Amino acid sequence: QVKLVESGGGLVQVGGSLRLSCAASGRTFSSDYMGWFRQAPGKEREFVARVSWNAGITYHADSVKGRFTISRDNAENTVYLQMNNLKAEDTAVYYCAAARIPTTTPTRYDYWGQGTQVTVSS
């Protein structure tokens, strides 16, 4: 089984920056795609970004494009989400997930982390 552990969440001000980390371990060889999702209270889980371990190809949701950047460090088995120019609407629990195919659909991801809270205040 694949284990994913997020870290780096916290409280930041509007316009500030934060970097989330996702450490992966276990049988990750069949999961080439890593994604970040977020979920605010009363809302559905929303795709944020994804990256492939092998080629490093990235894809970002329109809502975060130009502000957030996903990246991976293969040597450390870690995926990052750099969040800049944060807005109040970015407040949510952020989840790291692993999939076998390039997808934005939560149900197509096989493994999930526990989530980390990001709160953006004014």
N, C-alpha and C. Protein backbone atom coordinates (compact mmCIF):
# COMPACT_ATOMS: atom_id res chain seq x y z
N GLN A 1 0.83 -1.19 0.00
CA GLN A 1 0.00 0.00 0.00
C GLN A 1 0.88 1.25 0.00
N VAL A 2 0.37 2.31 -0.62
CA VAL A 2 1.06 3.58 -0.67
C VAL A 2 0.63 4.44 0.50
N LYS A 3 1.61 5.06 1.15
CA LYS A 3 1.32 5.97 2.25
C LYS A 3 1.71 7.38 1.84
N LEU A 4 0.82 8.32 2.06
CA LEU A 4 1.04 9.72 1.73
C LEU A 4 0.84 10.57 2.97
N VAL A 5 1.79 11.44 3.25
CA VAL A 5 1.72 12.29 4.43
C VAL A 5 1.95 13.74 4.03
N GLU A 6 0.93 14.57 4.23
CA GLU A 6 1.04 15.99 3.93
C GLU A 6 1.58 16.76 5.12
N SER A 7 2.20 17.89 4.83
CA SER A 7 2.65 18.80 5.87
C SER A 7 2.75 20.20 5.28
N GLY A 8 2.87 21.20 6.14
CA GLY A 8 3.08 22.57 5.70
C GLY A 8 1.86 23.46 5.77
N GLY A 9 0.72 22.92 6.15
CA GLY A 9 -0.47 23.75 6.27
C GLY A 9 -0.37 24.69 7.45
N GLY A 10 -1.27 25.67 7.48
CA GLY A 10 -1.27 26.62 8.57
C GLY A 10 -2.10 27.84 8.26
N LEU A 11 -1.89 28.88 9.04
CA LEU A 11 -2.62 30.14 8.91
C LEU A 11 -1.73 31.19 8.24
N VAL A 12 -2.23 31.78 7.16
CA VAL A 12 -1.50 32.82 6.44
C VAL A 12 -2.44 33.96 6.11
N GLN A 13 -1.87 35.12 5.82
CA GLN A 13 -2.65 36.29 5.45
C GLN A 13 -2.91 36.33 3.95
N VAL A 14 -3.98 37.03 3.58
CA VAL A 14 -4.27 37.24 2.16
C VAL A 14 -3.05 37.86 1.48
N GLY A 15 -2.68 37.30 0.32
CA GLY A 15 -1.52 37.77 -0.41
C GLY A 15 -0.23 37.09 -0.02
N GLY A 16 -0.27 36.26 1.01
CA GLY A 16 0.91 35.57 1.47
C GLY A 16 1.18 34.30 0.70
N SER A 17 2.20 33.57 1.14
CA SER A 17 2.63 32.34 0.47
C SER A 17 2.76 31.20 1.46
N LEU A 18 2.64 29.99 0.95
CA LEU A 18 2.77 28.79 1.76
C LEU A 18 3.20 27.65 0.85
N ARG A 19 4.03 26.74 1.36
CA ARG A 19 4.43 25.57 0.59
C ARG A 19 4.01 24.30 1.31
N LEU A 20 3.22 23.48 0.63
CA LEU A 20 2.79 22.20 1.15
C LEU A 20 3.70 21.10 0.63
N SER A 21 3.92 20.08 1.45
CA SER A 21 4.73 18.93 1.07
C SER A 21 3.92 17.65 1.21
N CYS A 22 4.20 16.68 0.35
CA CYS A 22 3.57 15.37 0.41
C CYS A 22 4.66 14.32 0.27
N ALA A 23 4.94 13.61 1.35
CA ALA A 23 5.94 12.56 1.35
C ALA A 23 5.29 11.22 1.04
N ALA A 24 5.80 10.52 0.01
CA ALA A 24 5.24 9.26 -0.43
C ALA A 24 6.16 8.10 -0.05
N SER A 25 5.56 6.98 0.35
CA SER A 25 6.32 5.78 0.68
C SER A 25 5.49 4.54 0.34
N GLY A 26 6.13 3.36 0.36
CA GLY A 26 5.43 2.13 0.05
C GLY A 26 5.55 1.76 -1.42
N ARG A 27 4.58 1.03 -1.93
CA ARG A 27 4.59 0.53 -3.31
C ARG A 27 4.04 1.59 -4.26
N THR A 28 4.89 2.56 -4.57
CA THR A 28 4.48 3.69 -5.41
C THR A 28 4.75 3.50 -6.89
N PHE A 29 5.35 2.38 -7.28
CA PHE A 29 5.80 2.20 -8.66
C PHE A 29 4.66 2.18 -9.68
N SER A 30 3.46 1.82 -9.26
CA SER A 30 2.32 1.78 -10.17
C SER A 30 1.52 3.08 -10.19
N SER A 31 1.92 4.04 -9.37
CA SER A 31 1.23 5.33 -9.28
C SER A 31 2.14 6.43 -9.79
N ASP A 32 2.07 6.72 -11.08
CA ASP A 32 2.96 7.68 -11.69
C ASP A 32 2.47 9.12 -11.56
N TYR A 33 1.22 9.30 -11.17
CA TYR A 33 0.64 10.63 -11.13
C TYR A 33 0.26 11.01 -9.71
N MET A 34 0.72 12.19 -9.30
CA MET A 34 0.44 12.72 -7.98
C MET A 34 -0.38 13.99 -8.12
N GLY A 35 -1.41 14.11 -7.31
CA GLY A 35 -2.29 15.26 -7.39
C GLY A 35 -2.52 15.93 -6.05
N TRP A 36 -2.90 17.20 -6.12
CA TRP A 36 -3.35 17.95 -4.97
C TRP A 36 -4.82 18.29 -5.16
N PHE A 37 -5.61 18.06 -4.13
CA PHE A 37 -7.02 18.43 -4.10
C PHE A 37 -7.28 19.28 -2.87
N ARG A 38 -8.42 19.97 -2.86
CA ARG A 38 -8.81 20.72 -1.68
C ARG A 38 -10.32 20.62 -1.49
N GLN A 39 -10.75 20.76 -0.25
CA GLN A 39 -12.16 20.68 0.07
C GLN A 39 -12.50 21.65 1.19
N ALA A 40 -13.40 22.58 0.88
CA ALA A 40 -13.90 23.53 1.87
C ALA A 40 -15.21 23.00 2.44
N PRO A 41 -15.60 23.44 3.64
CA PRO A 41 -16.84 22.97 4.26
C PRO A 41 -18.05 23.19 3.36
N GLY A 42 -18.86 22.14 3.17
CA GLY A 42 -20.06 22.24 2.36
C GLY A 42 -19.83 22.18 0.86
N LYS A 43 -18.59 22.01 0.43
CA LYS A 43 -18.28 21.96 -0.99
C LYS A 43 -17.67 20.62 -1.37
N GLU A 44 -17.74 20.30 -2.66
CA GLU A 44 -17.16 19.07 -3.17
C GLU A 44 -15.65 19.19 -3.23
N ARG A 45 -14.99 18.04 -3.22
CA ARG A 45 -13.55 18.02 -3.35
C ARG A 45 -13.15 18.53 -4.73
N GLU A 46 -12.18 19.44 -4.77
CA GLU A 46 -11.81 20.16 -5.98
C GLU A 46 -10.38 19.85 -6.38
N PHE A 47 -10.19 19.55 -7.66
CA PHE A 47 -8.85 19.33 -8.19
C PHE A 47 -8.06 20.62 -8.21
N VAL A 48 -6.79 20.54 -7.81
CA VAL A 48 -5.92 21.71 -7.78
C VAL A 48 -4.80 21.60 -8.80
N ALA A 49 -4.05 20.50 -8.77
CA ALA A 49 -2.92 20.32 -9.68
C ALA A 49 -2.45 18.88 -9.66
N ARG A 50 -1.69 18.46 -10.68
CA ARG A 50 -1.09 17.14 -10.71
C ARG A 50 0.27 17.20 -11.39
N VAL A 51 1.09 16.20 -11.11
CA VAL A 51 2.41 16.07 -11.71
C VAL A 51 2.75 14.59 -11.85
N SER A 52 3.52 14.23 -12.88
CA SER A 52 3.95 12.85 -13.05
C SER A 52 5.37 12.68 -12.52
N TRP A 53 5.60 11.56 -11.84
CA TRP A 53 6.93 11.28 -11.32
C TRP A 53 7.96 11.16 -12.43
N ASN A 54 7.59 10.46 -13.51
CA ASN A 54 8.54 10.12 -14.55
C ASN A 54 8.97 11.32 -15.39
N ALA A 55 8.04 11.96 -16.07
CA ALA A 55 8.37 13.04 -16.99
C ALA A 55 8.26 14.42 -16.36
N GLY A 56 7.63 14.53 -15.19
CA GLY A 56 7.48 15.81 -14.55
C GLY A 56 6.47 16.73 -15.21
N ILE A 57 5.55 16.16 -15.98
CA ILE A 57 4.52 16.95 -16.64
C ILE A 57 3.52 17.46 -15.61
N THR A 58 3.21 18.75 -15.68
CA THR A 58 2.30 19.36 -14.71
C THR A 58 1.02 19.86 -15.36
N TYR A 59 -0.01 19.97 -14.53
CA TYR A 59 -1.29 20.51 -14.97
C TYR A 59 -1.94 21.18 -13.78
N HIS A 60 -2.41 22.42 -13.97
CA HIS A 60 -3.01 23.19 -12.89
C HIS A 60 -4.43 23.60 -13.22
N ALA A 61 -5.30 23.59 -12.23
CA ALA A 61 -6.66 24.05 -12.41
C ALA A 61 -6.67 25.54 -12.72
N ASP A 62 -7.68 25.97 -13.49
CA ASP A 62 -7.77 27.38 -13.86
C ASP A 62 -7.83 28.30 -12.63
N SER A 63 -8.45 27.83 -11.56
CA SER A 63 -8.63 28.64 -10.38
C SER A 63 -7.32 28.99 -9.67
N VAL A 64 -6.27 28.21 -9.92
CA VAL A 64 -4.99 28.45 -9.25
C VAL A 64 -3.86 28.73 -10.22
N LYS A 65 -4.12 28.64 -11.51
CA LYS A 65 -3.09 28.83 -12.52
C LYS A 65 -2.47 30.22 -12.39
N GLY A 66 -1.14 30.26 -12.37
CA GLY A 66 -0.43 31.51 -12.21
C GLY A 66 -0.12 31.86 -10.78
N ARG A 67 -0.76 31.18 -9.83
CA ARG A 67 -0.52 31.43 -8.40
C ARG A 67 0.10 30.22 -7.71
N PHE A 68 -0.36 29.02 -8.05
CA PHE A 68 0.15 27.79 -7.45
C PHE A 68 1.05 27.07 -8.43
N THR A 69 2.05 26.37 -7.91
CA THR A 69 2.95 25.58 -8.73
C THR A 69 3.20 24.23 -8.07
N ILE A 70 2.89 23.15 -8.79
CA ILE A 70 3.17 21.81 -8.30
C ILE A 70 4.54 21.37 -8.82
N SER A 71 5.27 20.63 -8.02
CA SER A 71 6.57 20.11 -8.42
C SER A 71 6.86 18.81 -7.68
N ARG A 72 7.88 18.08 -8.13
CA ARG A 72 8.23 16.86 -7.44
C ARG A 72 9.74 16.72 -7.34
N ASP A 73 10.19 16.05 -6.28
CA ASP A 73 11.59 15.74 -6.05
C ASP A 73 11.68 14.22 -5.98
N ASN A 74 12.10 13.59 -7.08
CA ASN A 74 12.13 12.13 -7.15
C ASN A 74 13.09 11.52 -6.12
N ALA A 75 14.20 12.18 -5.88
CA ALA A 75 15.18 11.67 -4.93
C ALA A 75 14.62 11.59 -3.52
N GLU A 76 13.71 12.50 -3.20
CA GLU A 76 13.10 12.55 -1.86
C GLU A 76 11.71 11.94 -1.82
N ASN A 77 11.20 11.48 -2.97
CA ASN A 77 9.83 10.95 -3.05
C ASN A 77 8.82 11.92 -2.46
N THR A 78 8.98 13.18 -2.82
CA THR A 78 8.16 14.23 -2.25
C THR A 78 7.58 15.11 -3.35
N VAL A 79 6.31 15.46 -3.20
CA VAL A 79 5.62 16.38 -4.09
C VAL A 79 5.30 17.65 -3.32
N TYR A 80 5.45 18.79 -3.98
CA TYR A 80 5.23 20.07 -3.34
C TYR A 80 4.12 20.85 -4.03
N LEU A 81 3.50 21.73 -3.28
CA LEU A 81 2.57 22.70 -3.83
C LEU A 81 2.94 24.06 -3.29
N GLN A 82 3.57 24.88 -4.14
CA GLN A 82 3.91 26.24 -3.77
C GLN A 82 2.71 27.13 -4.04
N MET A 83 2.22 27.80 -3.02
CA MET A 83 1.04 28.63 -3.13
C MET A 83 1.42 30.08 -2.87
N ASN A 84 1.24 30.93 -3.88
CA ASN A 84 1.54 32.35 -3.78
C ASN A 84 0.29 33.18 -3.98
N ASN A 85 0.34 34.43 -3.53
CA ASN A 85 -0.79 35.35 -3.67
C ASN A 85 -2.08 34.69 -3.21
N LEU A 86 -2.07 34.17 -2.01
CA LEU A 86 -3.21 33.43 -1.49
C LEU A 86 -4.42 34.33 -1.28
N LYS A 87 -5.59 33.76 -1.55
CA LYS A 87 -6.86 34.43 -1.39
C LYS A 87 -7.69 33.73 -0.32
N ALA A 88 -8.69 34.42 0.21
CA ALA A 88 -9.55 33.83 1.22
C ALA A 88 -10.25 32.58 0.69
N GLU A 89 -10.58 32.55 -0.59
CA GLU A 89 -11.25 31.41 -1.20
C GLU A 89 -10.37 30.18 -1.30
N ASP A 90 -9.07 30.33 -1.03
CA ASP A 90 -8.17 29.18 -1.03
C ASP A 90 -8.25 28.39 0.28
N THR A 91 -8.96 28.92 1.26
CA THR A 91 -9.10 28.24 2.55
C THR A 91 -9.79 26.90 2.36
N ALA A 92 -9.14 25.83 2.80
CA ALA A 92 -9.68 24.48 2.64
C ALA A 92 -8.73 23.48 3.29
N VAL A 93 -9.18 22.23 3.37
CA VAL A 93 -8.29 21.14 3.70
C VAL A 93 -7.67 20.66 2.40
N TYR A 94 -6.36 20.59 2.35
CA TYR A 94 -5.65 20.18 1.15
C TYR A 94 -5.18 18.74 1.28
N TYR A 95 -5.44 17.94 0.24
CA TYR A 95 -5.11 16.53 0.23
C TYR A 95 -4.14 16.19 -0.89
N CYS A 96 -3.22 15.31 -0.60
CA CYS A 96 -2.34 14.73 -1.59
C CYS A 96 -2.89 13.37 -1.99
N ALA A 97 -2.78 13.01 -3.28
CA ALA A 97 -3.32 11.74 -3.76
C ALA A 97 -2.46 11.17 -4.87
N ALA A 98 -2.57 9.84 -5.08
CA ALA A 98 -1.79 9.14 -6.10
C ALA A 98 -2.71 8.38 -7.04
N ALA A 99 -2.41 8.42 -8.35
CA ALA A 99 -3.21 7.75 -9.36
C ALA A 99 -2.32 7.06 -10.39
N ARG A 100 -2.92 6.14 -11.15
CA ARG A 100 -2.21 5.42 -12.19
C ARG A 100 -2.34 6.08 -13.56
N ILE A 101 -3.27 7.02 -13.67
CA ILE A 101 -3.53 7.70 -14.93
C ILE A 101 -3.60 9.20 -14.71
N PRO A 102 -3.40 10.02 -15.76
CA PRO A 102 -3.56 11.46 -15.62
C PRO A 102 -5.03 11.82 -15.57
N THR A 103 -5.49 12.28 -14.41
CA THR A 103 -6.90 12.56 -14.23
C THR A 103 -7.10 13.67 -13.21
N THR A 104 -8.26 14.33 -13.30
CA THR A 104 -8.65 15.36 -12.34
C THR A 104 -9.80 14.89 -11.45
N THR A 105 -10.23 13.65 -11.62
CA THR A 105 -11.38 13.10 -10.91
C THR A 105 -10.96 12.44 -9.61
N PRO A 106 -11.50 12.86 -8.47
CA PRO A 106 -11.09 12.29 -7.18
C PRO A 106 -11.25 10.78 -7.09
N THR A 107 -12.32 10.23 -7.67
CA THR A 107 -12.58 8.79 -7.56
C THR A 107 -11.58 7.95 -8.34
N ARG A 108 -10.82 8.56 -9.22
CA ARG A 108 -9.81 7.84 -9.99
C ARG A 108 -8.47 7.77 -9.28
N TYR A 109 -8.35 8.43 -8.15
CA TYR A 109 -7.12 8.38 -7.35
C TYR A 109 -7.21 7.24 -6.34
N ASP A 110 -6.13 6.47 -6.23
CA ASP A 110 -6.13 5.24 -5.46
C ASP A 110 -5.73 5.42 -4.00
N TYR A 111 -4.91 6.41 -3.71
CA TYR A 111 -4.41 6.63 -2.37
C TYR A 111 -4.51 8.09 -2.00
N TRP A 112 -4.75 8.33 -0.72
CA TRP A 112 -4.93 9.69 -0.20
C TRP A 112 -4.18 9.89 1.10
N GLY A 113 -3.71 11.11 1.30
CA GLY A 113 -3.15 11.49 2.58
C GLY A 113 -4.24 11.90 3.54
N GLN A 114 -3.85 12.30 4.73
CA GLN A 114 -4.81 12.64 5.78
C GLN A 114 -5.35 14.06 5.65
N GLY A 115 -4.70 14.89 4.86
CA GLY A 115 -5.11 16.26 4.67
C GLY A 115 -4.41 17.22 5.62
N THR A 116 -4.26 18.45 5.17
CA THR A 116 -3.68 19.49 6.01
C THR A 116 -4.46 20.78 5.80
N GLN A 117 -4.78 21.46 6.89
CA GLN A 117 -5.63 22.64 6.84
C GLN A 117 -4.84 23.87 6.41
N VAL A 118 -5.38 24.60 5.45
CA VAL A 118 -4.84 25.88 5.03
C VAL A 118 -5.91 26.94 5.26
N THR A 119 -5.60 27.93 6.06
CA THR A 119 -6.53 29.00 6.36
C THR A 119 -5.92 30.33 5.96
N VAL A 120 -6.63 31.07 5.10
CA VAL A 120 -6.17 32.36 4.62
C VAL A 120 -7.05 33.44 5.23
N SER A 121 -6.46 34.31 6.02
CA SER A 121 -7.21 35.33 6.75
C SER A 121 -6.90 36.72 6.21
N SER A 122 -7.82 37.64 6.45
CA SER A 122 -7.65 39.02 6.02
C SER A 122 -7.28 39.92 7.19
